[in-house]
Full PDB file with SEQRES, HELIX, SHEET, SSBOND, CRYST1, ORIGX, SCALE, CONECT and MASTER records, all heavy atoms in Angstrom:
SEQRES   1 A   26  THR GLU GLY THR ILE LEU GLU ARG ILE PRO PRO ARG ILE          
SEQRES   2 A   26  ARG ILE ARG LYS ASP ALA PRO LEU GLU LEU PRO HIS ILE          
HELIX    1 AA1 LEU A    6  ARG A    8  5                                   3    
HELIX    2 AA2 ILE A    9  ARG A   16  1                                   8    
CRYST1    1.000    1.000    1.000  90.00  90.00  90.00 P 1           1          
ORIGX1      1.000000  0.000000  0.000000        0.00000                         
ORIGX2      0.000000  1.000000  0.000000        0.00000                         
ORIGX3      0.000000  0.000000  1.000000        0.00000                         
SCALE1      1.000000  0.000000  0.000000        0.00000                         
SCALE2      0.000000  1.000000  0.000000        0.00000                         
SCALE3      0.000000  0.000000  1.000000        0.00000                         
ATOM      1  N   THR A   1     293.039  57.704  16.184  1.00  0.00           N  
ATOM      2  CA  THR A   1     294.208  58.548  15.934  1.00  0.00           C  
ATOM      3  C   THR A   1     294.542  59.417  17.131  1.00  0.00           C  
ATOM      4  O   THR A   1     295.574  60.085  17.139  1.00  0.00           O  
ATOM      5  CB  THR A   1     293.962  59.459  14.715  1.00  0.00           C  
ATOM      6  OG1 THR A   1     292.734  60.169  14.906  1.00  0.00           O  
ATOM      7  CG2 THR A   1     293.870  58.645  13.439  1.00  0.00           C  
ATOM      8  N   GLU A   2     293.660  59.431  18.117  1.00  0.00           N  
ATOM      9  CA  GLU A   2     293.916  60.229  19.314  1.00  0.00           C  
ATOM     10  C   GLU A   2     293.529  59.427  20.540  1.00  0.00           C  
ATOM     11  O   GLU A   2     292.805  58.437  20.443  1.00  0.00           O  
ATOM     12  CB  GLU A   2     293.111  61.535  19.279  1.00  0.00           C  
ATOM     13  CG  GLU A   2     291.603  61.325  19.343  1.00  0.00           C  
ATOM     14  CD  GLU A   2     290.821  62.619  19.420  1.00  0.00           C  
ATOM     15  OE1 GLU A   2     291.365  63.662  19.056  1.00  0.00           O  
ATOM     16  OE2 GLU A   2     289.657  62.578  19.846  1.00  0.00           O  
ATOM     17  N   GLY A   3     294.021  59.860  21.676  1.00  0.00           N  
ATOM     18  CA  GLY A   3     293.676  59.189  22.913  1.00  0.00           C  
ATOM     19  C   GLY A   3     292.186  59.284  23.193  1.00  0.00           C  
ATOM     20  O   GLY A   3     291.590  60.351  23.085  1.00  0.00           O  
ATOM     21  N   THR A   4     291.578  58.172  23.538  1.00  0.00           N  
ATOM     22  CA  THR A   4     290.158  58.137  23.838  1.00  0.00           C  
ATOM     23  C   THR A   4     289.952  58.467  25.309  1.00  0.00           C  
ATOM     24  O   THR A   4     290.559  57.848  26.189  1.00  0.00           O  
ATOM     25  CB  THR A   4     289.572  56.751  23.524  1.00  0.00           C  
ATOM     26  OG1 THR A   4     289.788  56.464  22.137  1.00  0.00           O  
ATOM     27  CG2 THR A   4     288.088  56.709  23.817  1.00  0.00           C  
ATOM     28  N   ILE A   5     289.105  59.466  25.595  1.00  0.00           N  
ATOM     29  CA  ILE A   5     288.826  59.883  26.962  1.00  0.00           C  
ATOM     30  C   ILE A   5     287.661  59.044  27.458  1.00  0.00           C  
ATOM     31  O   ILE A   5     286.504  59.264  27.086  1.00  0.00           O  
ATOM     32  CB  ILE A   5     288.484  61.384  27.030  1.00  0.00           C  
ATOM     33  CG1 ILE A   5     289.571  62.208  26.311  1.00  0.00           C  
ATOM     34  CG2 ILE A   5     288.335  61.845  28.473  1.00  0.00           C  
ATOM     35  CD1 ILE A   5     289.209  63.666  26.133  1.00  0.00           C  
ATOM     36  N   LEU A   6     287.955  58.064  28.301  1.00  0.00           N  
ATOM     37  CA  LEU A   6     286.944  57.080  28.676  1.00  0.00           C  
ATOM     38  C   LEU A   6     285.744  57.708  29.383  1.00  0.00           C  
ATOM     39  O   LEU A   6     284.613  57.231  29.233  1.00  0.00           O  
ATOM     40  CB  LEU A   6     287.578  55.999  29.557  1.00  0.00           C  
ATOM     41  CG  LEU A   6     288.672  55.161  28.876  1.00  0.00           C  
ATOM     42  CD1 LEU A   6     289.222  54.129  29.851  1.00  0.00           C  
ATOM     43  CD2 LEU A   6     288.143  54.476  27.623  1.00  0.00           C  
ATOM     44  N   GLU A   7     285.968  58.801  30.120  1.00  0.00           N  
ATOM     45  CA  GLU A   7     284.848  59.406  30.839  1.00  0.00           C  
ATOM     46  C   GLU A   7     283.873  60.111  29.893  1.00  0.00           C  
ATOM     47  O   GLU A   7     282.764  60.480  30.299  1.00  0.00           O  
ATOM     48  CB  GLU A   7     285.348  60.398  31.901  1.00  0.00           C  
ATOM     49  CG  GLU A   7     286.227  61.504  31.381  1.00  0.00           C  
ATOM     50  CD  GLU A   7     287.717  61.153  31.482  1.00  0.00           C  
ATOM     51  OE1 GLU A   7     288.069  59.962  31.435  1.00  0.00           O  
ATOM     52  OE2 GLU A   7     288.513  62.102  31.600  1.00  0.00           O  
ATOM     53  N   ARG A   8     284.268  60.305  28.625  1.00  0.00           N  
ATOM     54  CA  ARG A   8     283.352  60.923  27.670  1.00  0.00           C  
ATOM     55  C   ARG A   8     282.422  59.895  27.025  1.00  0.00           C  
ATOM     56  O   ARG A   8     281.479  60.277  26.336  1.00  0.00           O  
ATOM     57  CB  ARG A   8     284.152  61.641  26.565  1.00  0.00           C  
ATOM     58  CG  ARG A   8     284.890  62.871  27.044  1.00  0.00           C  
ATOM     59  CD  ARG A   8     285.547  63.607  25.907  1.00  0.00           C  
ATOM     60  NE  ARG A   8     284.556  64.087  24.940  1.00  0.00           N  
ATOM     61  CZ  ARG A   8     284.890  64.668  23.799  1.00  0.00           C  
ATOM     62  NH1 ARG A   8     286.163  64.820  23.476  1.00  0.00           N  
ATOM     63  NH2 ARG A   8     283.951  65.092  22.960  1.00  0.00           N  
ATOM     64  N   ILE A   9     282.668  58.604  27.262  1.00  0.00           N  
ATOM     65  CA  ILE A   9     281.862  57.578  26.606  1.00  0.00           C  
ATOM     66  C   ILE A   9     280.526  57.319  27.301  1.00  0.00           C  
ATOM     67  O   ILE A   9     279.490  57.189  26.626  1.00  0.00           O  
ATOM     68  CB  ILE A   9     282.675  56.275  26.464  1.00  0.00           C  
ATOM     69  CG1 ILE A   9     283.874  56.517  25.514  1.00  0.00           C  
ATOM     70  CG2 ILE A   9     281.811  55.144  25.949  1.00  0.00           C  
ATOM     71  CD1 ILE A   9     284.746  55.314  25.319  1.00  0.00           C  
ATOM     72  N   PRO A  10     280.459  57.233  28.661  1.00  0.00           N  
ATOM     73  CA  PRO A  10     279.176  56.895  29.303  1.00  0.00           C  
ATOM     74  C   PRO A  10     277.985  57.761  28.900  1.00  0.00           C  
ATOM     75  O   PRO A  10     276.910  57.214  28.617  1.00  0.00           O  
ATOM     76  CB  PRO A  10     279.502  57.013  30.793  1.00  0.00           C  
ATOM     77  CG  PRO A  10     280.952  56.659  30.873  1.00  0.00           C  
ATOM     78  CD  PRO A  10     281.566  57.265  29.644  1.00  0.00           C  
ATOM     79  N   PRO A  11     278.103  59.117  28.842  1.00  0.00           N  
ATOM     80  CA  PRO A  11     276.915  59.877  28.424  1.00  0.00           C  
ATOM     81  C   PRO A  11     276.500  59.583  26.987  1.00  0.00           C  
ATOM     82  O   PRO A  11     275.306  59.606  26.662  1.00  0.00           O  
ATOM     83  CB  PRO A  11     277.349  61.345  28.587  1.00  0.00           C  
ATOM     84  CG  PRO A  11     278.837  61.315  28.657  1.00  0.00           C  
ATOM     85  CD  PRO A  11     279.207  60.010  29.250  1.00  0.00           C  
ATOM     86  N   ARG A  12     277.452  59.277  26.137  1.00  0.00           N  
ATOM     87  CA  ARG A  12     277.130  58.921  24.749  1.00  0.00           C  
ATOM     88  C   ARG A  12     276.461  57.551  24.686  1.00  0.00           C  
ATOM     89  O   ARG A  12     275.601  57.313  23.837  1.00  0.00           O  
ATOM     90  CB  ARG A  12     278.403  58.953  23.901  1.00  0.00           C  
ATOM     91  CG  ARG A  12     278.997  60.347  23.760  1.00  0.00           C  
ATOM     92  CD  ARG A  12     280.410  60.276  23.191  1.00  0.00           C  
ATOM     93  NE  ARG A  12     281.012  61.596  23.117  1.00  0.00           N  
ATOM     94  CZ  ARG A  12     281.246  62.261  21.974  1.00  0.00           C  
ATOM     95  NH1 ARG A  12     280.889  61.711  20.836  1.00  0.00           N  
ATOM     96  NH2 ARG A  12     281.808  63.449  21.992  1.00  0.00           N  
ATOM     97  N   ILE A  13     276.887  56.651  25.581  1.00  0.00           N  
ATOM     98  CA  ILE A  13     276.241  55.336  25.636  1.00  0.00           C  
ATOM     99  C   ILE A  13     274.772  55.488  26.005  1.00  0.00           C  
ATOM    100  O   ILE A  13     273.899  54.819  25.437  1.00  0.00           O  
ATOM    101  CB  ILE A  13     276.971  54.419  26.635  1.00  0.00           C  
ATOM    102  CG1 ILE A  13     278.335  53.984  26.051  1.00  0.00           C  
ATOM    103  CG2 ILE A  13     276.123  53.202  26.978  1.00  0.00           C  
ATOM    104  CD1 ILE A  13     279.159  53.133  26.982  1.00  0.00           C  
ATOM    105  N   ARG A  14     274.477  56.374  26.932  1.00  0.00           N  
ATOM    106  CA  ARG A  14     273.082  56.595  27.343  1.00  0.00           C  
ATOM    107  C   ARG A  14     272.232  57.051  26.160  1.00  0.00           C  
ATOM    108  O   ARG A  14     271.052  56.694  26.052  1.00  0.00           O  
ATOM    109  CB  ARG A  14     273.031  57.643  28.448  1.00  0.00           C  
ATOM    110  CG  ARG A  14     273.635  57.189  29.772  1.00  0.00           C  
ATOM    111  CD  ARG A  14     273.685  58.333  30.750  1.00  0.00           C  
ATOM    112  NE  ARG A  14     272.354  58.862  31.038  1.00  0.00           N  
ATOM    113  CZ  ARG A  14     272.148  60.037  31.642  1.00  0.00           C  
ATOM    114  NH1 ARG A  14     273.191  60.794  31.993  1.00  0.00           N  
ATOM    115  NH2 ARG A  14     270.927  60.442  31.878  1.00  0.00           N  
ATOM    116  N   ILE A  15     272.830  57.836  25.267  1.00  0.00           N  
ATOM    117  CA  ILE A  15     272.093  58.345  24.111  1.00  0.00           C  
ATOM    118  C   ILE A  15     271.873  57.250  23.073  1.00  0.00           C  
ATOM    119  O   ILE A  15     270.796  57.109  22.508  1.00  0.00           O  
ATOM    120  CB  ILE A  15     272.861  59.532  23.483  1.00  0.00           C  
ATOM    121  CG1 ILE A  15     272.937  60.690  24.482  1.00  0.00           C  
ATOM    122  CG2 ILE A  15     272.210  59.976  22.184  1.00  0.00           C  
ATOM    123  CD1 ILE A  15     273.899  61.780  24.089  1.00  0.00           C  
ATOM    124  N   ARG A  16     272.884  56.431  22.830  1.00  0.00           N  
ATOM    125  CA  ARG A  16     272.832  55.448  21.742  1.00  0.00           C  
ATOM    126  C   ARG A  16     272.216  54.114  22.154  1.00  0.00           C  
ATOM    127  O   ARG A  16     271.634  53.411  21.327  1.00  0.00           O  
ATOM    128  CB  ARG A  16     274.252  55.212  21.199  1.00  0.00           C  
ATOM    129  CG  ARG A  16     274.318  54.239  20.011  1.00  0.00           C  
ATOM    130  CD  ARG A  16     275.759  53.997  19.586  1.00  0.00           C  
ATOM    131  NE  ARG A  16     275.849  52.974  18.565  1.00  0.00           N  
ATOM    132  CZ  ARG A  16     275.991  53.203  17.274  1.00  0.00           C  
ATOM    133  NH1 ARG A  16     276.048  54.445  16.825  1.00  0.00           N  
ATOM    134  NH2 ARG A  16     276.077  52.196  16.408  1.00  0.00           N  
ATOM    135  N   LYS A  17     272.322  53.749  23.430  1.00  0.00           N  
ATOM    136  CA  LYS A  17     272.044  52.379  23.852  1.00  0.00           C  
ATOM    137  C   LYS A  17     270.661  51.896  23.442  1.00  0.00           C  
ATOM    138  O   LYS A  17     270.497  50.775  22.958  1.00  0.00           O  
ATOM    139  CB  LYS A  17     272.228  52.248  25.366  1.00  0.00           C  
ATOM    140  CG  LYS A  17     272.158  50.811  25.850  1.00  0.00           C  
ATOM    141  CD  LYS A  17     272.574  50.694  27.299  1.00  0.00           C  
ATOM    142  CE  LYS A  17     272.593  49.239  27.744  1.00  0.00           C  
ATOM    143  NZ  LYS A  17     273.006  49.097  29.157  1.00  0.00           N  
ATOM    144  N   ASP A  18     269.624  52.679  23.664  1.00  0.00           N  
ATOM    145  CA  ASP A  18     268.266  52.258  23.333  1.00  0.00           C  
ATOM    146  C   ASP A  18     267.745  52.919  22.067  1.00  0.00           C  
ATOM    147  O   ASP A  18     266.549  52.830  21.764  1.00  0.00           O  
ATOM    148  CB  ASP A  18     267.329  52.565  24.496  1.00  0.00           C  
ATOM    149  CG  ASP A  18     267.672  51.736  25.735  1.00  0.00           C  
ATOM    150  OD1 ASP A  18     267.999  50.545  25.564  1.00  0.00           O  
ATOM    151  OD2 ASP A  18     267.628  52.286  26.851  1.00  0.00           O  
ATOM    152  N   ALA A  19     268.636  53.586  21.332  1.00  0.00           N  
ATOM    153  CA  ALA A  19     268.215  54.277  20.112  1.00  0.00           C  
ATOM    154  C   ALA A  19     268.006  53.266  18.983  1.00  0.00           C  
ATOM    155  O   ALA A  19     268.836  52.378  18.785  1.00  0.00           O  
ATOM    156  CB  ALA A  19     269.264  55.301  19.704  1.00  0.00           C  
ATOM    157  N   PRO A  20     266.924  53.399  18.204  1.00  0.00           N  
ATOM    158  CA  PRO A  20     266.726  52.490  17.072  1.00  0.00           C  
ATOM    159  C   PRO A  20     267.544  52.854  15.853  1.00  0.00           C  
ATOM    160  O   PRO A  20     267.690  52.042  14.931  1.00  0.00           O  
ATOM    161  CB  PRO A  20     265.226  52.633  16.784  1.00  0.00           C  
ATOM    162  CG  PRO A  20     264.881  54.011  17.246  1.00  0.00           C  
ATOM    163  CD  PRO A  20     265.763  54.277  18.432  1.00  0.00           C  
ATOM    164  N   LEU A  21     268.083  54.081  15.823  1.00  0.00           N  
ATOM    165  CA  LEU A  21     268.835  54.557  14.666  1.00  0.00           C  
ATOM    166  C   LEU A  21     270.200  55.085  15.088  1.00  0.00           C  
ATOM    167  O   LEU A  21     270.393  55.506  16.230  1.00  0.00           O  
ATOM    168  CB  LEU A  21     268.084  55.697  13.968  1.00  0.00           C  
ATOM    169  CG  LEU A  21     266.720  55.410  13.351  1.00  0.00           C  
ATOM    170  CD1 LEU A  21     266.100  56.711  12.857  1.00  0.00           C  
ATOM    171  CD2 LEU A  21     266.838  54.401  12.224  1.00  0.00           C  
ATOM    172  N   GLU A  22     271.121  55.089  14.137  1.00  0.00           N  
ATOM    173  CA  GLU A  22     272.359  55.844  14.297  1.00  0.00           C  
ATOM    174  C   GLU A  22     272.409  56.915  13.220  1.00  0.00           C  
ATOM    175  O   GLU A  22     271.949  56.713  12.089  1.00  0.00           O  
ATOM    176  CB  GLU A  22     273.595  54.940  14.207  1.00  0.00           C  
ATOM    177  CG  GLU A  22     273.811  54.273  12.857  1.00  0.00           C  
ATOM    178  CD  GLU A  22     275.123  53.503  12.802  1.00  0.00           C  
ATOM    179  OE1 GLU A  22     275.875  53.536  13.787  1.00  0.00           O  
ATOM    180  OE2 GLU A  22     275.389  52.874  11.753  1.00  0.00           O  
ATOM    181  N   LEU A  23     272.919  58.075  13.593  1.00  0.00           N  
ATOM    182  CA  LEU A  23     273.122  59.190  12.676  1.00  0.00           C  
ATOM    183  C   LEU A  23     274.609  59.524  12.748  1.00  0.00           C  
ATOM    184  O   LEU A  23     275.085  60.031  13.757  1.00  0.00           O  
ATOM    185  CB  LEU A  23     272.317  60.421  13.093  1.00  0.00           C  
ATOM    186  CG  LEU A  23     270.800  60.354  13.081  1.00  0.00           C  
ATOM    187  CD1 LEU A  23     270.257  59.576  14.263  1.00  0.00           C  
ATOM    188  CD2 LEU A  23     270.235  61.772  13.104  1.00  0.00           C  
ATOM    189  N   PRO A  24     275.376  59.242  11.720  1.00  0.00           N  
ATOM    190  CA  PRO A  24     276.825  59.419  11.848  1.00  0.00           C  
ATOM    191  C   PRO A  24     277.302  60.828  11.511  1.00  0.00           C  
ATOM    192  O   PRO A  24     276.834  61.464  10.573  1.00  0.00           O  
ATOM    193  CB  PRO A  24     277.372  58.419  10.822  1.00  0.00           C  
ATOM    194  CG  PRO A  24     276.317  58.392   9.754  1.00  0.00           C  
ATOM    195  CD  PRO A  24     275.004  58.561  10.475  1.00  0.00           C  
ATOM    196  N   HIS A  25     278.221  61.317  12.343  1.00  0.00           N  
ATOM    197  CA  HIS A  25     279.036  62.461  11.932  1.00  0.00           C  
ATOM    198  C   HIS A  25     280.499  62.022  11.856  1.00  0.00           C  
ATOM    199  O   HIS A  25     281.408  62.851  11.811  1.00  0.00           O  
ATOM    200  CB  HIS A  25     278.868  63.638  12.909  1.00  0.00           C  
ATOM    201  CG  HIS A  25     279.470  63.431  14.264  1.00  0.00           C  
ATOM    202  ND1 HIS A  25     278.740  63.031  15.358  1.00  0.00           N  
ATOM    203  CD2 HIS A  25     280.736  63.566  14.710  1.00  0.00           C  
ATOM    204  CE1 HIS A  25     279.522  62.947  16.412  1.00  0.00           C  
ATOM    205  NE2 HIS A  25     280.751  63.262  16.048  1.00  0.00           N  
ATOM    206  N   ILE A  26     280.721  60.717  11.791  1.00  0.00           N  
ATOM    207  CA  ILE A  26     282.061  60.138  11.846  1.00  0.00           C  
ATOM    208  C   ILE A  26     282.728  60.205  10.471  1.00  0.00           C  
ATOM    209  O   ILE A  26     282.153  59.775   9.466  1.00  0.00           O  
ATOM    210  CB  ILE A  26     281.996  58.671  12.328  1.00  0.00           C  
ATOM    211  CG1 ILE A  26     281.354  58.588  13.709  1.00  0.00           C  
ATOM    212  CG2 ILE A  26     283.380  58.038  12.321  1.00  0.00           C  
ATOM    213  CD1 ILE A  26     281.003  57.175  14.134  1.00  0.00           C  
TER     214      ILE A  26                                                      
MASTER        0    0    0    2    0    0    0    6  213    1    0    2          
END                                                                             
């Protein structure tokens, strides 16, 4: 619903990429 700021994705990828779990606040 809003413009996605691509530069905000890489640090989040680092957090999620090797994580065995997801915890949603979505």
